[in-house]
Amino acid sequence: MLGLIPNVSLEDVTAGERVFLLNFEHQPGNSPYRSRHAIFVKEGAEEAHPDQGTIPASITSRLLSVRAFNEAHEIVDAEIIEGTEVQDVIAKFFENTAVDYIHLHYARRGCFAARVVRPEPKA
């Protein structure tokens, strides 16, 4: 149904694990929405690619800002939602053919969480 492209691993850390707070350019598109913001990266984390249609607990357990962008990197739609609603909102946004990709942010702190790409058409 959807493909999440995580910034690194999309895994929560446990108390005492070392994390790094970094600045990350999550929106490099040449538009007024070009943006950089904070991300937390667990020490030793490896890039992960959740299976298509799978939403990690680090997404579903938080308040999210969901932003849909077109090919020109302009916002087409946006919502603030509980993470449990994210799959439905993503599906709704992708019903709009103008939406090229979606960004998920953790709404409380604004940290970038993941980029969601439109699923590949089935052959």
C-alpha atoms as a PDB file:
ATOM      1  CA  MET A   1       0.000   0.000   0.000  1.00  0.00           C
ATOM      2  CA  LEU A   2       2.750   2.491   0.835  1.00  0.00           C
ATOM      3  CA  GLY A   3       6.484   2.672   1.090  1.00  0.00           C
ATOM      4  CA  LEU A   4       8.170   4.373   4.033  1.00  0.00           C
ATOM      5  CA  ILE A   5      11.655   5.689   3.468  1.00  0.00           C
ATOM      6  CA  PRO A   6      13.000   6.285   6.969  1.00  0.00           C
ATOM      7  CA  ASN A   7      15.636   8.822   7.869  1.00  0.00           C
ATOM      8  CA  VAL A   8      17.549   6.008   9.594  1.00  0.00           C
ATOM      9  CA  SER A   9      15.775   3.203  11.460  1.00  0.00           C
ATOM     10  CA  LEU A  10      12.369   4.367  12.809  1.00  0.00           C
ATOM     11  CA  GLU A  11      12.989   2.426  16.013  1.00  0.00           C
ATOM     12  CA  ASP A  12      12.386   3.826  19.470  1.00  0.00           C
ATOM     13  CA  VAL A  13      15.305   3.736  21.879  1.00  0.00           C
ATOM     14  CA  THR A  14      15.218   2.556  25.442  1.00  0.00           C
ATOM     15  CA  ALA A  15      16.280   4.640  28.427  1.00  0.00           C
ATOM     16  CA  GLY A  16      20.045   4.893  28.612  1.00  0.00           C
ATOM     17  CA  GLU A  17      20.757   4.252  24.937  1.00  0.00           C
ATOM     18  CA  ARG A  18      22.916   6.888  23.304  1.00  0.00           C
ATOM     19  CA  VAL A  19      21.334   9.076  20.628  1.00  0.00           C
ATOM     20  CA  PHE A  20      22.623  11.924  18.530  1.00  0.00           C
ATOM     21  CA  LEU A  21      20.564  15.019  17.765  1.00  0.00           C
ATOM     22  CA  LEU A  22      21.426  16.063  14.225  1.00  0.00           C
ATOM     23  CA  ASN A  23      20.220  18.580  11.692  1.00  0.00           C
ATOM     24  CA  PHE A  24      18.904  16.935   8.536  1.00  0.00           C
ATOM     25  CA  GLU A  25      17.750  18.427   5.233  1.00  0.00           C
ATOM     26  CA  HIS A  26      14.575  16.401   4.764  1.00  0.00           C
ATOM     27  CA  GLN A  27      13.089  18.732   2.131  1.00  0.00           C
ATOM     28  CA  PRO A  28      15.842  19.594  -0.374  1.00  0.00           C
ATOM     29  CA  GLY A  29      13.401  20.515  -3.156  1.00  0.00           C
ATOM     30  CA  ASN A  30      13.832  23.925  -4.754  1.00  0.00           C
ATOM     31  CA  SER A  31      10.684  25.553  -3.354  1.00  0.00           C
ATOM     32  CA  PRO A  32       9.676  27.814  -0.462  1.00  0.00           C
ATOM     33  CA  TYR A  33       9.144  24.588   1.545  1.00  0.00           C
ATOM     34  CA  ARG A  34      12.823  23.639   1.439  1.00  0.00           C
ATOM     35  CA  SER A  35      13.600  22.636   5.009  1.00  0.00           C
ATOM     36  CA  ARG A  36      16.041  21.263   7.555  1.00  0.00           C
ATOM     37  CA  HIS A  37      15.174  20.136  11.046  1.00  0.00           C
ATOM     38  CA  ALA A  38      16.265  17.932  13.888  1.00  0.00           C
ATOM     39  CA  ILE A  39      16.347  14.148  13.856  1.00  0.00           C
ATOM     40  CA  PHE A  40      17.443  11.773  16.596  1.00  0.00           C
ATOM     41  CA  VAL A  41      19.719   8.929  15.504  1.00  0.00           C
ATOM     42  CA  LYS A  42      20.482   5.997  17.776  1.00  0.00           C
ATOM     43  CA  GLU A  43      24.174   5.174  18.099  1.00  0.00           C
ATOM     44  CA  GLY A  44      24.911   2.245  15.800  1.00  0.00           C
ATOM     45  CA  ALA A  45      21.555   2.520  14.016  1.00  0.00           C
ATOM     46  CA  GLU A  46      21.348   1.053  10.548  1.00  0.00           C
ATOM     47  CA  GLU A  47      19.070   2.276   7.790  1.00  0.00           C
ATOM     48  CA  ALA A  48      15.898   0.224   7.660  1.00  0.00           C
ATOM     49  CA  HIS A  49      13.248  -0.166   4.999  1.00  0.00           C
ATOM     50  CA  PRO A  50       9.944  -1.363   6.477  1.00  0.00           C
ATOM     51  CA  ASP A  51       7.949  -3.720   4.295  1.00  0.00           C
ATOM     52  CA  GLN A  52       5.464  -1.985   2.017  1.00  0.00           C
ATOM     53  CA  GLY A  53       2.249  -1.341   3.929  1.00  0.00           C
ATOM     54  CA  THR A  54       3.935  -1.674   7.332  1.00  0.00           C
ATOM     55  CA  ILE A  55       3.818   1.254   9.759  1.00  0.00           C
ATOM     56  CA  PRO A  56       6.367   1.089  12.615  1.00  0.00           C
ATOM     57  CA  ALA A  57       5.258   1.632  16.224  1.00  0.00           C
ATOM     58  CA  SER A  58       7.432   4.764  16.400  1.00  0.00           C
ATOM     59  CA  ILE A  59       4.983   6.318  13.908  1.00  0.00           C
ATOM     60  CA  THR A  60       1.661   4.910  15.114  1.00  0.00           C
ATOM     61  CA  SER A  61       2.341   5.798  18.764  1.00  0.00           C
ATOM     62  CA  ARG A  62       2.792   9.565  18.308  1.00  0.00           C
ATOM     63  CA  LEU A  63       0.983  12.722  17.269  1.00  0.00           C
ATOM     64  CA  LEU A  64       1.989  13.411  13.660  1.00  0.00           C
ATOM     65  CA  SER A  65       2.109  16.239  11.186  1.00  0.00           C
ATOM     66  CA  VAL A  66       1.448  14.708   7.774  1.00  0.00           C
ATOM     67  CA  ARG A  67       2.328  16.849   4.745  1.00  0.00           C
ATOM     68  CA  ALA A  68       1.600  15.929   1.123  1.00  0.00           C
ATOM     69  CA  PHE A  69       3.812  17.435  -1.600  1.00  0.00           C
ATOM     70  CA  ASN A  70       3.576  17.628  -5.381  1.00  0.00           C
ATOM     71  CA  GLU A  71       6.432  17.177  -7.888  1.00  0.00           C
ATOM     72  CA  ALA A  72       7.336  20.875  -7.511  1.00  0.00           C
ATOM     73  CA  HIS A  73       7.856  20.263  -3.758  1.00  0.00           C
ATOM     74  CA  GLU A  74       4.845  22.413  -2.818  1.00  0.00           C
ATOM     75  CA  ILE A  75       2.403  21.401  -0.081  1.00  0.00           C
ATOM     76  CA  VAL A  76      -0.840  20.059  -1.524  1.00  0.00           C
ATOM     77  CA  ASP A  77      -2.481  18.963   1.743  1.00  0.00           C
ATOM     78  CA  ALA A  78      -1.630  18.546   5.432  1.00  0.00           C
ATOM     79  CA  GLU A  79      -3.123  17.157   8.631  1.00  0.00           C
ATOM     80  CA  ILE A  80      -2.257  16.825  12.314  1.00  0.00           C
ATOM     81  CA  ILE A  81      -3.334  13.341  13.392  1.00  0.00           C
ATOM     82  CA  GLU A  82      -2.855  10.598  15.928  1.00  0.00           C
ATOM     83  CA  GLY A  83      -0.385   8.064  14.552  1.00  0.00           C
ATOM     84  CA  THR A  84      -3.027   5.346  14.591  1.00  0.00           C
ATOM     85  CA  GLU A  85      -4.773   7.246  11.766  1.00  0.00           C
ATOM     86  CA  VAL A  86      -1.714   7.552   9.522  1.00  0.00           C
ATOM     87  CA  GLN A  87      -2.457   4.706   7.117  1.00  0.00           C
ATOM     88  CA  ASP A  88      -5.916   6.120   6.320  1.00  0.00           C
ATOM     89  CA  VAL A  89      -4.578   9.668   5.872  1.00  0.00           C
ATOM     90  CA  ILE A  90      -1.779   8.466   3.602  1.00  0.00           C
ATOM     91  CA  ALA A  91      -4.287   6.556   1.474  1.00  0.00           C
ATOM     92  CA  LYS A  92      -6.552   9.626   1.315  1.00  0.00           C
ATOM     93  CA  PHE A  93      -3.669  11.908   0.279  1.00  0.00           C
ATOM     94  CA  PHE A  94      -2.511   9.499  -2.453  1.00  0.00           C
ATOM     95  CA  GLU A  95      -6.027   9.467  -3.926  1.00  0.00           C
ATOM     96  CA  ASN A  96      -5.116  12.973  -5.112  1.00  0.00           C
ATOM     97  CA  THR A  97      -3.033  12.452  -8.266  1.00  0.00           C
ATOM     98  CA  ALA A  98      -1.216  15.747  -7.611  1.00  0.00           C
ATOM     99  CA  VAL A  99       0.430  14.244  -4.512  1.00  0.00           C
ATOM    100  CA  ASP A 100       3.900  12.940  -5.335  1.00  0.00           C
ATOM    101  CA  TYR A 101       5.165  12.096  -1.822  1.00  0.00           C
ATOM    102  CA  ILE A 102       4.359  12.625   1.850  1.00  0.00           C
ATOM    103  CA  HIS A 103       6.446  13.702   4.825  1.00  0.00           C
ATOM    104  CA  LEU A 104       5.752  12.555   8.362  1.00  0.00           C
ATOM    105  CA  HIS A 105       6.920  14.697  11.275  1.00  0.00           C
ATOM    106  CA  TYR A 106       6.556  14.110  14.991  1.00  0.00           C
ATOM    107  CA  ALA A 107       4.185  16.980  15.672  1.00  0.00           C
ATOM    108  CA  ARG A 108       5.178  17.849  19.237  1.00  0.00           C
ATOM    109  CA  ARG A 109       8.873  18.530  18.578  1.00  0.00           C
ATOM    110  CA  GLY A 110       8.688  18.827  14.805  1.00  0.00           C
ATOM    111  CA  CYS A 111      11.396  16.241  14.149  1.00  0.00           C
ATOM    112  CA  PHE A 112      11.316  14.653  10.711  1.00  0.00           C
ATOM    113  CA  ALA A 113      10.246  11.008  10.851  1.00  0.00           C
ATOM    114  CA  ALA A 114       9.966   9.640   7.315  1.00  0.00           C
ATOM    115  CA  ARG A 115       9.195  10.211   3.675  1.00  0.00           C
ATOM    116  CA  VAL A 116       6.334   8.152   2.235  1.00  0.00           C
ATOM    117  CA  VAL A 117       6.446   7.373  -1.465  1.00  0.00           C
ATOM    118  CA  ARG A 118       3.591   6.413  -3.711  1.00  0.00           C
ATOM    119  CA  PRO A 119       3.511   2.635  -4.128  1.00  0.00           C
ATOM    120  CA  GLU A 120       4.810   1.200  -7.363  1.00  0.00           C
ATOM    121  CA  PRO A 121       1.991   0.228  -9.722  1.00  0.00           C
ATOM    122  CA  LYS A 122       1.449  -3.517  -9.905  1.00  0.00           C
ATOM    123  CA  ALA A 123       2.492  -5.009 -13.223  1.00  0.00           C
END
